[in-house]
């Protein structure tokens, strides 16, 4: 019985390795589907089943492999620069808002003698 289990585990391990290899060929090495079909002997439906199975069983690894295969284009770089500029602008606005809030709290304490920081927490 133990020999059967060992054979079952080794075949399962080989299948996982094969799925990993196929996923890597497609997403990291950017091989075409026809190249993968020819190299592995998989049918189109088996190929897609392997991709779905690998992604569902290994979501983090799949995501990392997809990122590895993606080349950063100038358009991606420009988009990131725009996003950074927008975030900087939002951060500056929030800093102004926080400073204004602090000044209002201090004003309330000086003029009315009310400590809003303590009044709000009970």
C-alpha atoms as a PDB file:
ATOM      1  CA  UNK A   1       0.000   0.000   0.000  1.00  0.00           C
ATOM      2  CA  UNK A   2       2.833   2.407   0.836  1.00  0.00           C
ATOM      3  CA  UNK A   3       4.395   1.801  -2.583  1.00  0.00           C
ATOM      4  CA  UNK A   4       1.101   2.775  -4.265  1.00  0.00           C
ATOM      5  CA  UNK A   5       0.919   5.950  -2.198  1.00  0.00           C
ATOM      6  CA  UNK A   6       4.504   6.827  -3.080  1.00  0.00           C
ATOM      7  CA  UNK A   7       3.782   6.334  -6.771  1.00  0.00           C
ATOM      8  CA  UNK A   8       0.650   8.435  -6.444  1.00  0.00           C
ATOM      9  CA  UNK A   9       2.533  11.236  -4.711  1.00  0.00           C
ATOM     10  CA  UNK A  10       5.362  11.212  -7.226  1.00  0.00           C
ATOM     11  CA  UNK A  11       2.952  11.365 -10.157  1.00  0.00           C
ATOM     12  CA  UNK A  12       1.060  14.219  -8.457  1.00  0.00           C
ATOM     13  CA  UNK A  13       4.359  16.043  -7.927  1.00  0.00           C
ATOM     14  CA  UNK A  14       5.301  15.565 -11.569  1.00  0.00           C
ATOM     15  CA  UNK A  15       1.893  16.907 -12.630  1.00  0.00           C
ATOM     16  CA  UNK A  16       2.341  20.010 -10.437  1.00  0.00           C
ATOM     17  CA  UNK A  17       5.817  20.567 -11.876  1.00  0.00           C
ATOM     18  CA  UNK A  18       4.427  20.220 -15.400  1.00  0.00           C
ATOM     19  CA  UNK A  19       1.628  22.729 -14.682  1.00  0.00           C
ATOM     20  CA  UNK A  20       4.199  25.147 -13.269  1.00  0.00           C
ATOM     21  CA  UNK A  21       6.383  24.704 -16.344  1.00  0.00           C
ATOM     22  CA  UNK A  22       3.483  25.285 -18.752  1.00  0.00           C
ATOM     23  CA  UNK A  23       2.348  28.371 -16.871  1.00  0.00           C
ATOM     24  CA  UNK A  24       5.910  29.689 -16.871  1.00  0.00           C
ATOM     25  CA  UNK A  25       6.326  29.056 -20.602  1.00  0.00           C
ATOM     26  CA  UNK A  26       3.156  30.994 -21.368  1.00  0.00           C
ATOM     27  CA  UNK A  27       3.381  33.951 -18.979  1.00  0.00           C
ATOM     28  CA  UNK A  28       7.096  34.399 -18.273  1.00  0.00           C
ATOM     29  CA  UNK A  29       8.779  33.103 -21.438  1.00  0.00           C
ATOM     30  CA  UNK A  30       5.981  34.441 -23.660  1.00  0.00           C
ATOM     31  CA  UNK A  31       5.792  31.306 -25.777  1.00  0.00           C
ATOM     32  CA  UNK A  32       2.867  31.076 -28.122  1.00  0.00           C
ATOM     33  CA  UNK A  33       0.092  28.584 -27.520  1.00  0.00           C
ATOM     34  CA  UNK A  34       1.022  26.646 -30.643  1.00  0.00           C
ATOM     35  CA  UNK A  35       4.637  26.344 -29.443  1.00  0.00           C
ATOM     36  CA  UNK A  36       3.416  25.038 -26.091  1.00  0.00           C
ATOM     37  CA  UNK A  37       0.977  22.612 -27.755  1.00  0.00           C
ATOM     38  CA  UNK A  38       3.771  21.292 -29.941  1.00  0.00           C
ATOM     39  CA  UNK A  39       6.302  21.025 -27.109  1.00  0.00           C
ATOM     40  CA  UNK A  40       3.987  19.429 -24.531  1.00  0.00           C
ATOM     41  CA  UNK A  41       1.472  17.586 -26.684  1.00  0.00           C
ATOM     42  CA  UNK A  42      -1.427  19.268 -24.862  1.00  0.00           C
ATOM     43  CA  UNK A  43      -4.732  19.957 -26.524  1.00  0.00           C
ATOM     44  CA  UNK A  44      -6.217  23.439 -26.445  1.00  0.00           C
ATOM     45  CA  UNK A  45      -8.752  22.507 -23.751  1.00  0.00           C
ATOM     46  CA  UNK A  46      -6.102  20.786 -21.620  1.00  0.00           C
ATOM     47  CA  UNK A  47      -3.876  23.846 -21.918  1.00  0.00           C
ATOM     48  CA  UNK A  48      -6.595  26.157 -20.609  1.00  0.00           C
ATOM     49  CA  UNK A  49      -7.487  23.677 -17.867  1.00  0.00           C
ATOM     50  CA  UNK A  50      -3.840  23.612 -16.755  1.00  0.00           C
ATOM     51  CA  UNK A  51      -3.749  27.427 -16.600  1.00  0.00           C
ATOM     52  CA  UNK A  52      -6.994  27.603 -14.598  1.00  0.00           C
ATOM     53  CA  UNK A  53      -5.939  24.840 -12.230  1.00  0.00           C
ATOM     54  CA  UNK A  54      -2.520  26.355 -11.605  1.00  0.00           C
ATOM     55  CA  UNK A  55      -4.016  29.806 -10.956  1.00  0.00           C
ATOM     56  CA  UNK A  56      -6.648  28.486  -8.569  1.00  0.00           C
ATOM     57  CA  UNK A  57      -4.185  26.345  -6.607  1.00  0.00           C
ATOM     58  CA  UNK A  58      -1.316  28.869  -6.624  1.00  0.00           C
ATOM     59  CA  UNK A  59      -2.770  32.384  -6.869  1.00  0.00           C
ATOM     60  CA  UNK A  60       0.263  34.184  -5.434  1.00  0.00           C
ATOM     61  CA  UNK A  61       2.782  32.328  -7.574  1.00  0.00           C
ATOM     62  CA  UNK A  62       0.605  32.865 -10.647  1.00  0.00           C
ATOM     63  CA  UNK A  63       0.382  36.593  -9.984  1.00  0.00           C
ATOM     64  CA  UNK A  64       4.156  36.855  -9.538  1.00  0.00           C
ATOM     65  CA  UNK A  65       4.759  34.930 -12.743  1.00  0.00           C
ATOM     66  CA  UNK A  66       2.418  37.227 -14.658  1.00  0.00           C
ATOM     67  CA  UNK A  67       4.291  40.255 -13.311  1.00  0.00           C
ATOM     68  CA  UNK A  68       7.652  38.768 -14.322  1.00  0.00           C
ATOM     69  CA  UNK A  69       6.523  38.345 -17.870  1.00  0.00           C
ATOM     70  CA  UNK A  70       5.195  41.859 -18.223  1.00  0.00           C
ATOM     71  CA  UNK A  71       7.545  44.387 -19.742  1.00  0.00           C
ATOM     72  CA  UNK A  72       7.183  47.975 -18.608  1.00  0.00           C
ATOM     73  CA  UNK A  73       6.399  50.174 -21.558  1.00  0.00           C
ATOM     74  CA  UNK A  74       6.868  53.939 -21.799  1.00  0.00           C
ATOM     75  CA  UNK A  75       3.082  54.273 -21.575  1.00  0.00           C
ATOM     76  CA  UNK A  76       3.121  52.336 -18.274  1.00  0.00           C
ATOM     77  CA  UNK A  77       5.880  54.604 -16.999  1.00  0.00           C
ATOM     78  CA  UNK A  78       3.946  57.745 -17.971  1.00  0.00           C
ATOM     79  CA  UNK A  79       0.833  56.383 -16.298  1.00  0.00           C
ATOM     80  CA  UNK A  80       2.777  55.736 -13.090  1.00  0.00           C
ATOM     81  CA  UNK A  81       4.242  59.255 -13.166  1.00  0.00           C
ATOM     82  CA  UNK A  82       0.744  60.709 -13.510  1.00  0.00           C
ATOM     83  CA  UNK A  83      -0.486  58.576 -10.626  1.00  0.00           C
ATOM     84  CA  UNK A  84       2.424  59.704  -8.414  1.00  0.00           C
ATOM     85  CA  UNK A  85       1.708  63.350  -9.267  1.00  0.00           C
ATOM     86  CA  UNK A  86      -1.977  62.888  -8.399  1.00  0.00           C
ATOM     87  CA  UNK A  87      -1.115  61.185  -5.108  1.00  0.00           C
ATOM     88  CA  UNK A  88       1.302  63.980  -4.197  1.00  0.00           C
ATOM     89  CA  UNK A  89      -1.408  66.540  -4.856  1.00  0.00           C
ATOM     90  CA  UNK A  90      -3.903  64.588  -2.724  1.00  0.00           C
ATOM     91  CA  UNK A  91      -1.336  64.288   0.060  1.00  0.00           C
ATOM     92  CA  UNK A  92      -0.716  68.041   0.039  1.00  0.00           C
ATOM     93  CA  UNK A  93      -4.475  68.664   0.234  1.00  0.00           C
ATOM     94  CA  UNK A  94      -4.850  66.273   3.162  1.00  0.00           C
ATOM     95  CA  UNK A  95      -1.927  67.904   4.972  1.00  0.00           C
ATOM     96  CA  UNK A  96      -3.636  71.287   4.582  1.00  0.00           C
ATOM     97  CA  UNK A  97      -6.877  69.789   5.872  1.00  0.00           C
ATOM     98  CA  UNK A  98      -5.098  68.329   8.919  1.00  0.00           C
ATOM     99  CA  UNK A  99      -3.332  71.634   9.628  1.00  0.00           C
ATOM    100  CA  UNK A 100      -6.638  73.518   9.351  1.00  0.00           C
ATOM    101  CA  UNK A 101      -8.282  71.052  11.752  1.00  0.00           C
ATOM    102  CA  UNK A 102      -5.460  71.509  14.266  1.00  0.00           C
ATOM    103  CA  UNK A 103      -5.785  75.298  14.055  1.00  0.00           C
ATOM    104  CA  UNK A 104      -9.572  75.091  14.583  1.00  0.00           C
ATOM    105  CA  UNK A 105      -9.065  72.883  17.647  1.00  0.00           C
ATOM    106  CA  UNK A 106      -6.483  75.306  19.040  1.00  0.00           C
ATOM    107  CA  UNK A 107      -8.754  78.281  18.288  1.00  0.00           C
ATOM    108  CA  UNK A 108     -11.674  76.609  20.076  1.00  0.00           C
ATOM    109  CA  UNK A 109      -9.500  75.945  23.093  1.00  0.00           C
ATOM    110  CA  UNK A 110      -8.140  79.522  23.246  1.00  0.00           C
ATOM    111  CA  UNK A 111     -11.380  81.394  22.576  1.00  0.00           C
ATOM    112  CA  UNK A 112     -14.001  79.171  24.190  1.00  0.00           C
ATOM    113  CA  UNK A 113     -11.913  77.135  26.600  1.00  0.00           C
ATOM    114  CA  UNK A 114     -13.156  73.890  25.058  1.00  0.00           C
ATOM    115  CA  UNK A 115     -10.648  71.162  24.375  1.00  0.00           C
ATOM    116  CA  UNK A 116     -12.214  69.475  21.337  1.00  0.00           C
ATOM    117  CA  UNK A 117      -9.698  66.673  21.400  1.00  0.00           C
ATOM    118  CA  UNK A 118     -10.871  65.595  24.863  1.00  0.00           C
ATOM    119  CA  UNK A 119     -14.545  66.456  24.277  1.00  0.00           C
ATOM    120  CA  UNK A 120     -14.849  64.024  21.391  1.00  0.00           C
ATOM    121  CA  UNK A 121     -13.443  61.038  23.295  1.00  0.00           C
ATOM    122  CA  UNK A 122     -15.592  59.566  26.036  1.00  0.00           C
END
